[in-house]
Amino acid sequence: MSCVAAVFSLLLVTLLVLSLRRAEQATPRCAAASHQLALLLQPTPEWEAWAGALSAELAQPRSAASSVRGSAKADVLLLASHSAAACTTARLDALELGVQAAFPNCSDCTLRLRAGELRSRAALQSALVAHLRRCSSGLVLFSDVGALDSALVPALLPLLSEGGSYVDKGETVPATGAFVVLTGCLPGLPPSWAAQGEEAARRAAKAALVAALGGGEGSNEPRRNAALALRRRVDQVAPLRTELEP
């Protein structure tokens, strides 16, 4: 009898695992509209092709092995500019609308945050948890990330990390289904930073992000650690179109 019970329990566990995998694969992702995404980027054939490739990747069903980075974590995209003019209020407004147009199937599941308007780690985490409870695979649009207070970075890390989740009121709130777009003006970038190819652009933007957050050599350890932790969690980088109109 105990053998029958063990077999039955194993069968139930197997069915549960298969059910969860099917549900995960069926979860819609924040699919990108290639043309709209390309309108946000520097108008070169390379970056237009990059927008098309990202759109194709995000059109695939989500699973633990098929995120953009290839692991069970939220997909994190940094759209960067070397120009401070890209982070005026009018430009940020236009950019946020452009990003939402580029991810149209997440228009009803978008959380918009601006670094300069955040006041506390608790408030940031509360906003993220509420969004993830409502939209487990929605869009998190975080504008002007270069102006982020490094003391707030720990509230972001569960959203951006492998197997990421928050614990709220005794419950686990998964974050691995989200799509996160960070936009930022990073003065440490040279004007031609995006012309050296995708990999070189990624390295340059990540280094400039660390510098913008005050994490350069000689900075205090907590600030540098926070900047480096955020840097490591960025999966993809692309250059913003400098002439984006408000």
C-alpha atoms as a PDB file:
ATOM      1  CA  MET A   1       0.000   0.000   0.000  1.00  0.00           C
ATOM      2  CA  SER A   2       2.868   2.353   0.847  1.00  0.00           C
ATOM      3  CA  CYS A   3       4.397   1.691  -2.588  1.00  0.00           C
ATOM      4  CA  VAL A   4       1.123   2.624  -4.266  1.00  0.00           C
ATOM      5  CA  ALA A   5       0.924   5.807  -2.223  1.00  0.00           C
ATOM      6  CA  ALA A   6       4.518   6.712  -3.134  1.00  0.00           C
ATOM      7  CA  VAL A   7       3.869   6.156  -6.839  1.00  0.00           C
ATOM      8  CA  PHE A   8       0.689   8.216  -6.634  1.00  0.00           C
ATOM      9  CA  SER A   9       2.525  11.063  -4.872  1.00  0.00           C
ATOM     10  CA  LEU A  10       5.278  10.995  -7.496  1.00  0.00           C
ATOM     11  CA  LEU A  11       2.670  11.151 -10.244  1.00  0.00           C
ATOM     12  CA  LEU A  12       1.003  14.153  -8.630  1.00  0.00           C
ATOM     13  CA  VAL A  13       4.339  15.958  -8.313  1.00  0.00           C
ATOM     14  CA  THR A  14       5.166  15.210 -11.953  1.00  0.00           C
ATOM     15  CA  LEU A  15       1.801  16.518 -13.120  1.00  0.00           C
ATOM     16  CA  LEU A  16       2.255  19.660 -11.025  1.00  0.00           C
ATOM     17  CA  VAL A  17       5.707  20.335 -12.495  1.00  0.00           C
ATOM     18  CA  LEU A  18       4.416  19.832 -16.046  1.00  0.00           C
ATOM     19  CA  SER A  19       1.492  22.129 -15.351  1.00  0.00           C
ATOM     20  CA  LEU A  20       3.792  24.863 -14.042  1.00  0.00           C
ATOM     21  CA  ARG A  21       6.071  24.534 -17.061  1.00  0.00           C
ATOM     22  CA  ARG A  22       3.121  24.840 -19.450  1.00  0.00           C
ATOM     23  CA  ALA A  23       1.859  27.887 -17.597  1.00  0.00           C
ATOM     24  CA  GLU A  24       5.307  29.475 -17.696  1.00  0.00           C
ATOM     25  CA  GLN A  25       5.689  28.844 -21.409  1.00  0.00           C
ATOM     26  CA  ALA A  26       2.229  30.272 -22.067  1.00  0.00           C
ATOM     27  CA  THR A  27       2.914  33.464 -20.145  1.00  0.00           C
ATOM     28  CA  PRO A  28       2.917  36.336 -22.641  1.00  0.00           C
ATOM     29  CA  ARG A  29       6.092  38.391 -22.728  1.00  0.00           C
ATOM     30  CA  CYS A  30       6.489  42.107 -23.361  1.00  0.00           C
ATOM     31  CA  ALA A  31       6.918  41.537 -27.089  1.00  0.00           C
ATOM     32  CA  ALA A  32       8.640  44.402 -28.885  1.00  0.00           C
ATOM     33  CA  ALA A  33       7.352  46.129 -32.002  1.00  0.00           C
ATOM     34  CA  SER A  34      10.562  46.185 -34.029  1.00  0.00           C
ATOM     35  CA  HIS A  35       9.822  49.375 -35.966  1.00  0.00           C
ATOM     36  CA  GLN A  36       8.774  51.326 -32.872  1.00  0.00           C
ATOM     37  CA  LEU A  37      11.812  50.133 -30.938  1.00  0.00           C
ATOM     38  CA  ALA A  38      14.141  51.118 -33.798  1.00  0.00           C
ATOM     39  CA  LEU A  39      12.676  54.639 -33.725  1.00  0.00           C
ATOM     40  CA  LEU A  40      14.138  55.071 -30.237  1.00  0.00           C
ATOM     41  CA  LEU A  41      17.651  54.033 -31.283  1.00  0.00           C
ATOM     42  CA  GLN A  42      20.470  55.574 -33.266  1.00  0.00           C
ATOM     43  CA  PRO A  43      19.455  55.145 -36.937  1.00  0.00           C
ATOM     44  CA  THR A  44      22.112  52.767 -38.201  1.00  0.00           C
ATOM     45  CA  PRO A  45      21.685  49.389 -39.914  1.00  0.00           C
ATOM     46  CA  GLU A  46      23.379  47.652 -36.990  1.00  0.00           C
ATOM     47  CA  TRP A  47      20.964  48.959 -34.390  1.00  0.00           C
ATOM     48  CA  GLU A  48      17.954  48.467 -36.628  1.00  0.00           C
ATOM     49  CA  ALA A  49      19.017  44.827 -36.981  1.00  0.00           C
ATOM     50  CA  TRP A  50      19.498  44.634 -33.211  1.00  0.00           C
ATOM     51  CA  ALA A  51      15.915  45.859 -32.672  1.00  0.00           C
ATOM     52  CA  GLY A  52      14.653  43.200 -35.057  1.00  0.00           C
ATOM     53  CA  ALA A  53      16.621  40.458 -33.306  1.00  0.00           C
ATOM     54  CA  LEU A  54      15.317  41.491 -29.880  1.00  0.00           C
ATOM     55  CA  SER A  55      11.758  41.574 -31.226  1.00  0.00           C
ATOM     56  CA  ALA A  56      12.172  38.056 -32.597  1.00  0.00           C
ATOM     57  CA  GLU A  57      13.567  36.794 -29.277  1.00  0.00           C
ATOM     58  CA  LEU A  58      10.745  38.305 -27.254  1.00  0.00           C
ATOM     59  CA  ALA A  59       8.161  36.802 -29.596  1.00  0.00           C
ATOM     60  CA  GLN A  60       9.117  33.367 -28.261  1.00  0.00           C
ATOM     61  CA  PRO A  61       7.253  31.917 -25.257  1.00  0.00           C
ATOM     62  CA  ARG A  62       8.899  32.560 -21.945  1.00  0.00           C
ATOM     63  CA  SER A  63      10.460  29.645 -20.105  1.00  0.00           C
ATOM     64  CA  ALA A  64      13.192  29.237 -17.528  1.00  0.00           C
ATOM     65  CA  ALA A  65      15.733  28.755 -20.303  1.00  0.00           C
ATOM     66  CA  SER A  66      14.537  31.303 -22.861  1.00  0.00           C
ATOM     67  CA  SER A  67      14.919  34.758 -21.377  1.00  0.00           C
ATOM     68  CA  VAL A  68      17.110  37.142 -23.345  1.00  0.00           C
ATOM     69  CA  ARG A  69      20.001  36.446 -21.012  1.00  0.00           C
ATOM     70  CA  GLY A  70      19.433  32.695 -21.132  1.00  0.00           C
ATOM     71  CA  SER A  71      18.541  32.231 -17.457  1.00  0.00           C
ATOM     72  CA  ALA A  72      15.560  32.554 -15.128  1.00  0.00           C
ATOM     73  CA  LYS A  73      15.649  36.271 -14.504  1.00  0.00           C
ATOM     74  CA  ALA A  74      13.905  39.397 -15.626  1.00  0.00           C
ATOM     75  CA  ASP A  75      15.162  40.707 -18.964  1.00  0.00           C
ATOM     76  CA  VAL A  76      17.003  44.000 -18.377  1.00  0.00           C
ATOM     77  CA  LEU A  77      17.626  46.481 -21.198  1.00  0.00           C
ATOM     78  CA  LEU A  78      19.564  49.734 -20.782  1.00  0.00           C
ATOM     79  CA  LEU A  79      18.825  52.480 -23.320  1.00  0.00           C
ATOM     80  CA  ALA A  80      21.610  55.005 -22.894  1.00  0.00           C
ATOM     81  CA  SER A  81      22.639  58.416 -24.179  1.00  0.00           C
ATOM     82  CA  HIS A  82      25.825  60.413 -23.796  1.00  0.00           C
ATOM     83  CA  SER A  83      23.843  63.662 -23.859  1.00  0.00           C
ATOM     84  CA  ALA A  84      22.319  65.253 -20.754  1.00  0.00           C
ATOM     85  CA  ALA A  85      19.746  66.873 -23.053  1.00  0.00           C
ATOM     86  CA  ALA A  86      18.077  63.469 -23.381  1.00  0.00           C
ATOM     87  CA  CYS A  87      17.037  63.619 -19.731  1.00  0.00           C
ATOM     88  CA  THR A  88      15.115  66.871 -19.629  1.00  0.00           C
ATOM     89  CA  THR A  89      11.558  66.443 -18.393  1.00  0.00           C
ATOM     90  CA  ALA A  90      10.122  66.865 -21.898  1.00  0.00           C
ATOM     91  CA  ARG A  91      12.527  64.318 -23.375  1.00  0.00           C
ATOM     92  CA  LEU A  92      11.813  61.831 -20.583  1.00  0.00           C
ATOM     93  CA  ASP A  93       8.084  62.207 -21.210  1.00  0.00           C
ATOM     94  CA  ALA A  94       8.586  61.538 -24.914  1.00  0.00           C
ATOM     95  CA  LEU A  95      10.907  58.611 -24.257  1.00  0.00           C
ATOM     96  CA  GLU A  96       8.495  56.950 -21.843  1.00  0.00           C
ATOM     97  CA  LEU A  97       5.718  57.174 -24.431  1.00  0.00           C
ATOM     98  CA  GLY A  98       8.092  55.798 -27.057  1.00  0.00           C
ATOM     99  CA  VAL A  99       9.086  52.831 -24.904  1.00  0.00           C
ATOM    100  CA  GLN A 100       5.458  52.005 -24.215  1.00  0.00           C
ATOM    101  CA  ALA A 101       4.733  52.149 -27.960  1.00  0.00           C
ATOM    102  CA  ALA A 102       7.652  49.776 -28.532  1.00  0.00           C
ATOM    103  CA  PHE A 103       6.132  47.216 -26.129  1.00  0.00           C
ATOM    104  CA  PRO A 104       2.424  47.520 -26.980  1.00  0.00           C
ATOM    105  CA  ASN A 105       1.187  44.286 -25.418  1.00  0.00           C
ATOM    106  CA  CYS A 106       2.354  45.542 -22.025  1.00  0.00           C
ATOM    107  CA  SER A 107       0.575  48.899 -22.242  1.00  0.00           C
ATOM    108  CA  ASP A 108      -1.855  47.874 -19.489  1.00  0.00           C
ATOM    109  CA  CYS A 109       0.900  46.340 -17.376  1.00  0.00           C
ATOM    110  CA  THR A 110       3.532  49.065 -17.168  1.00  0.00           C
ATOM    111  CA  LEU A 111       5.080  50.570 -14.058  1.00  0.00           C
ATOM    112  CA  ARG A 112       6.753  53.921 -14.748  1.00  0.00           C
ATOM    113  CA  LEU A 113       9.420  55.098 -12.312  1.00  0.00           C
ATOM    114  CA  ARG A 114      11.808  58.062 -12.425  1.00  0.00           C
ATOM    115  CA  ALA A 115      14.986  58.006 -10.408  1.00  0.00           C
ATOM    116  CA  GLY A 116      14.740  61.644  -9.377  1.00  0.00           C
ATOM    117  CA  GLU A 117      11.257  61.180  -7.925  1.00  0.00           C
ATOM    118  CA  LEU A 118      12.071  58.229  -5.665  1.00  0.00           C
ATOM    119  CA  ARG A 119      12.330  59.081  -1.983  1.00  0.00           C
ATOM    120  CA  SER A 120      12.898  55.830  -0.106  1.00  0.00           C
ATOM    121  CA  ARG A 121      13.873  52.193  -0.548  1.00  0.00           C
ATOM    122  CA  ALA A 122      10.621  51.077   1.109  1.00  0.00           C
ATOM    123  CA  ALA A 123       8.468  53.117  -1.283  1.00  0.00           C
ATOM    124  CA  LEU A 124      10.340  51.767  -4.314  1.00  0.00           C
ATOM    125  CA  GLN A 125      10.027  48.168  -3.165  1.00  0.00           C
ATOM    126  CA  SER A 126       6.337  48.632  -2.353  1.00  0.00           C
ATOM    127  CA  ALA A 127       5.649  49.964  -5.856  1.00  0.00           C
ATOM    128  CA  LEU A 128       7.533  47.068  -7.468  1.00  0.00           C
ATOM    129  CA  VAL A 129       5.791  44.416  -5.370  1.00  0.00           C
ATOM    130  CA  ALA A 130       2.347  45.853  -6.111  1.00  0.00           C
ATOM    131  CA  HIS A 131       3.132  45.872  -9.837  1.00  0.00           C
ATOM    132  CA  LEU A 132       4.488  42.312  -9.864  1.00  0.00           C
ATOM    133  CA  ARG A 133       1.449  41.043  -7.973  1.00  0.00           C
ATOM    134  CA  ARG A 134      -0.793  42.563 -10.641  1.00  0.00           C
ATOM    135  CA  CYS A 135       1.406  41.832 -13.680  1.00  0.00           C
ATOM    136  CA  SER A 136       3.934  39.055 -13.189  1.00  0.00           C
ATOM    137  CA  SER A 137       5.271  39.498 -16.734  1.00  0.00           C
ATOM    138  CA  GLY A 138       4.731  43.221 -17.171  1.00  0.00           C
ATOM    139  CA  LEU A 139       7.016  46.099 -18.108  1.00  0.00           C
ATOM    140  CA  VAL A 140       8.999  48.100 -15.576  1.00  0.00           C
ATOM    141  CA  LEU A 141      10.191  51.364 -17.132  1.00  0.00           C
ATOM    142  CA  PHE A 142      12.839  53.048 -14.988  1.00  0.00           C
ATOM    143  CA  SER A 143      13.794  56.461 -16.362  1.00  0.00           C
ATOM    144  CA  ASP A 144      16.940  58.513 -15.761  1.00  0.00           C
ATOM    145  CA  VAL A 145      18.767  55.663 -14.029  1.00  0.00           C
ATOM    146  CA  GLY A 146      21.989  57.687 -13.985  1.00  0.00           C
ATOM    147  CA  ALA A 147      20.383  59.942 -11.363  1.00  0.00           C
ATOM    148  CA  LEU A 148      19.508  57.025  -9.082  1.00  0.00           C
ATOM    149  CA  ASP A 149      20.597  57.257  -5.453  1.00  0.00           C
ATOM    150  CA  SER A 150      22.832  54.219  -4.940  1.00  0.00           C
ATOM    151  CA  ALA A 151      21.186  53.669  -1.543  1.00  0.00           C
ATOM    152  CA  LEU A 152      18.021  52.615  -3.429  1.00  0.00           C
ATOM    153  CA  VAL A 153      19.757  49.952  -5.536  1.00  0.00           C
ATOM    154  CA  PRO A 154      19.140  47.128  -2.995  1.00  0.00           C
ATOM    155  CA  ALA A 155      15.394  47.549  -3.543  1.00  0.00           C
ATOM    156  CA  LEU A 156      15.925  46.893  -7.272  1.00  0.00           C
ATOM    157  CA  LEU A 157      18.175  43.860  -7.025  1.00  0.00           C
ATOM    158  CA  PRO A 158      15.444  41.251  -6.355  1.00  0.00           C
ATOM    159  CA  LEU A 159      13.730  42.471  -9.534  1.00  0.00           C
ATOM    160  CA  LEU A 160      16.880  42.157 -11.621  1.00  0.00           C
ATOM    161  CA  SER A 161      18.570  39.047 -10.214  1.00  0.00           C
ATOM    162  CA  GLU A 162      18.526  35.426 -11.317  1.00  0.00           C
ATOM    163  CA  GLY A 163      15.627  33.657  -9.631  1.00  0.00           C
ATOM    164  CA  GLY A 164      14.626  37.073  -8.298  1.00  0.00           C
ATOM    165  CA  SER A 165      11.658  37.568  -5.988  1.00  0.00           C
ATOM    166  CA  TYR A 166      10.376  39.715  -3.151  1.00  0.00           C
ATOM    167  CA  VAL A 167       8.893  38.545   0.128  1.00  0.00           C
ATOM    168  CA  ASP A 168       5.791  40.508   1.013  1.00  0.00           C
ATOM    169  CA  LYS A 169       3.503  39.755   3.961  1.00  0.00           C
ATOM    170  CA  GLY A 170       4.959  36.284   4.198  1.00  0.00           C
ATOM    171  CA  GLU A 171       4.406  35.519   0.507  1.00  0.00           C
ATOM    172  CA  THR A 172       6.955  35.162  -2.275  1.00  0.00           C
ATOM    173  CA  VAL A 173       6.366  37.489  -5.220  1.00  0.00           C
ATOM    174  CA  PRO A 174       8.377  36.270  -8.254  1.00  0.00           C
ATOM    175  CA  ALA A 175      10.120  38.830 -10.444  1.00  0.00           C
ATOM    176  CA  THR A 176      11.634  36.630 -13.164  1.00  0.00           C
ATOM    177  CA  GLY A 177       8.818  37.259 -15.645  1.00  0.00           C
ATOM    178  CA  ALA A 178       9.273  41.030 -15.836  1.00  0.00           C
ATOM    179  CA  PHE A 179      10.825  43.027 -18.655  1.00  0.00           C
ATOM    180  CA  VAL A 180      12.834  45.970 -17.316  1.00  0.00           C
ATOM    181  CA  VAL A 181      13.839  48.966 -19.415  1.00  0.00           C
ATOM    182  CA  LEU A 182      16.331  51.373 -17.862  1.00  0.00           C
ATOM    183  CA  THR A 183      16.911  54.685 -19.622  1.00  0.00           C
ATOM    184  CA  GLY A 184      19.723  57.001 -18.708  1.00  0.00           C
ATOM    185  CA  CYS A 185      21.936  59.924 -19.622  1.00  0.00           C
ATOM    186  CA  LEU A 186      25.488  58.839 -18.920  1.00  0.00           C
ATOM    187  CA  PRO A 187      27.920  61.746 -19.394  1.00  0.00           C
ATOM    188  CA  GLY A 188      30.909  59.404 -19.217  1.00  0.00           C
ATOM    189  CA  LEU A 189      30.055  58.072 -22.681  1.00  0.00           C
ATOM    190  CA  PRO A 190      31.902  59.603 -25.647  1.00  0.00           C
ATOM    191  CA  PRO A 191      29.683  60.783 -28.527  1.00  0.00           C
ATOM    192  CA  SER A 192      30.810  57.887 -30.740  1.00  0.00           C
ATOM    193  CA  TRP A 193      30.333  55.196 -28.090  1.00  0.00           C
ATOM    194  CA  ALA A 194      27.720  53.242 -30.052  1.00  0.00           C
ATOM    195  CA  ALA A 195      29.707  53.099 -33.291  1.00  0.00           C
ATOM    196  CA  GLN A 196      32.174  50.452 -32.107  1.00  0.00           C
ATOM    197  CA  GLY A 197      29.797  47.496 -32.221  1.00  0.00           C
ATOM    198  CA  GLU A 198      27.320  45.941 -29.834  1.00  0.00           C
ATOM    199  CA  GLU A 199      29.794  44.373 -27.400  1.00  0.00           C
ATOM    200  CA  ALA A 200      31.969  47.484 -27.110  1.00  0.00           C
ATOM    201  CA  ALA A 201      28.842  49.609 -26.637  1.00  0.00           C
ATOM    202  CA  ARG A 202      27.666  47.316 -23.853  1.00  0.00           C
ATOM    203  CA  ARG A 203      30.978  47.577 -22.015  1.00  0.00           C
ATOM    204  CA  ALA A 204      31.129  51.353 -22.422  1.00  0.00           C
ATOM    205  CA  ALA A 205      27.570  51.938 -21.214  1.00  0.00           C
ATOM    206  CA  LYS A 206      27.971  49.666 -18.208  1.00  0.00           C
ATOM    207  CA  ALA A 207      31.183  51.428 -17.182  1.00  0.00           C
ATOM    208  CA  ALA A 208      29.500  54.814 -17.586  1.00  0.00           C
ATOM    209  CA  LEU A 209      26.552  53.625 -15.488  1.00  0.00           C
ATOM    210  CA  VAL A 210      28.910  52.706 -12.644  1.00  0.00           C
ATOM    211  CA  ALA A 211      30.556  56.129 -12.888  1.00  0.00           C
ATOM    212  CA  ALA A 212      27.200  57.934 -12.939  1.00  0.00           C
ATOM    213  CA  LEU A 213      26.144  56.161  -9.747  1.00  0.00           C
ATOM    214  CA  GLY A 214      29.338  57.242  -8.036  1.00  0.00           C
ATOM    215  CA  GLY A 215      30.879  53.794  -8.107  1.00  0.00           C
ATOM    216  CA  GLY A 216      34.205  54.661  -9.675  1.00  0.00           C
ATOM    217  CA  GLU A 217      37.606  53.916  -8.213  1.00  0.00           C
ATOM    218  CA  GLY A 218      38.047  55.687  -4.888  1.00  0.00           C
ATOM    219  CA  SER A 219      34.331  55.885  -4.081  1.00  0.00           C
ATOM    220  CA  ASN A 220      33.062  54.569  -0.758  1.00  0.00           C
ATOM    221  CA  GLU A 221      32.553  50.814  -0.655  1.00  0.00           C
ATOM    222  CA  PRO A 222      28.739  50.649  -0.259  1.00  0.00           C
ATOM    223  CA  ARG A 223      28.199  53.003  -3.194  1.00  0.00           C
ATOM    224  CA  ARG A 224      30.680  51.168  -5.406  1.00  0.00           C
ATOM    225  CA  ASN A 225      29.196  47.768  -4.508  1.00  0.00           C
ATOM    226  CA  ALA A 226      25.690  49.002  -5.334  1.00  0.00           C
ATOM    227  CA  ALA A 227      26.814  50.423  -8.693  1.00  0.00           C
ATOM    228  CA  LEU A 228      28.648  47.219  -9.631  1.00  0.00           C
ATOM    229  CA  ALA A 229      25.679  45.074  -8.579  1.00  0.00           C
ATOM    230  CA  LEU A 230      23.374  47.040 -10.882  1.00  0.00           C
ATOM    231  CA  ARG A 231      25.907  46.893 -13.701  1.00  0.00           C
ATOM    232  CA  ARG A 232      26.135  43.095 -13.544  1.00  0.00           C
ATOM    233  CA  ARG A 233      22.391  42.700 -13.951  1.00  0.00           C
ATOM    234  CA  VAL A 234      22.065  44.645 -17.186  1.00  0.00           C
ATOM    235  CA  ASP A 235      21.657  42.158 -20.038  1.00  0.00           C
ATOM    236  CA  GLN A 236      21.436  44.302 -23.142  1.00  0.00           C
ATOM    237  CA  VAL A 237      22.417  47.860 -24.059  1.00  0.00           C
ATOM    238  CA  ALA A 238      21.347  50.065 -26.956  1.00  0.00           C
ATOM    239  CA  PRO A 239      21.971  53.737 -27.835  1.00  0.00           C
ATOM    240  CA  LEU A 240      19.133  56.241 -27.716  1.00  0.00           C
ATOM    241  CA  ARG A 241      18.493  58.363 -30.764  1.00  0.00           C
ATOM    242  CA  THR A 242      19.923  61.781 -29.900  1.00  0.00           C
ATOM    243  CA  GLU A 243      17.335  63.720 -31.908  1.00  0.00           C
ATOM    244  CA  LEU A 244      14.320  62.122 -30.190  1.00  0.00           C
ATOM    245  CA  GLU A 245      11.698  64.867 -30.131  1.00  0.00           C
ATOM    246  CA  PRO A 246       9.571  65.707 -27.105  1.00  0.00           C
END
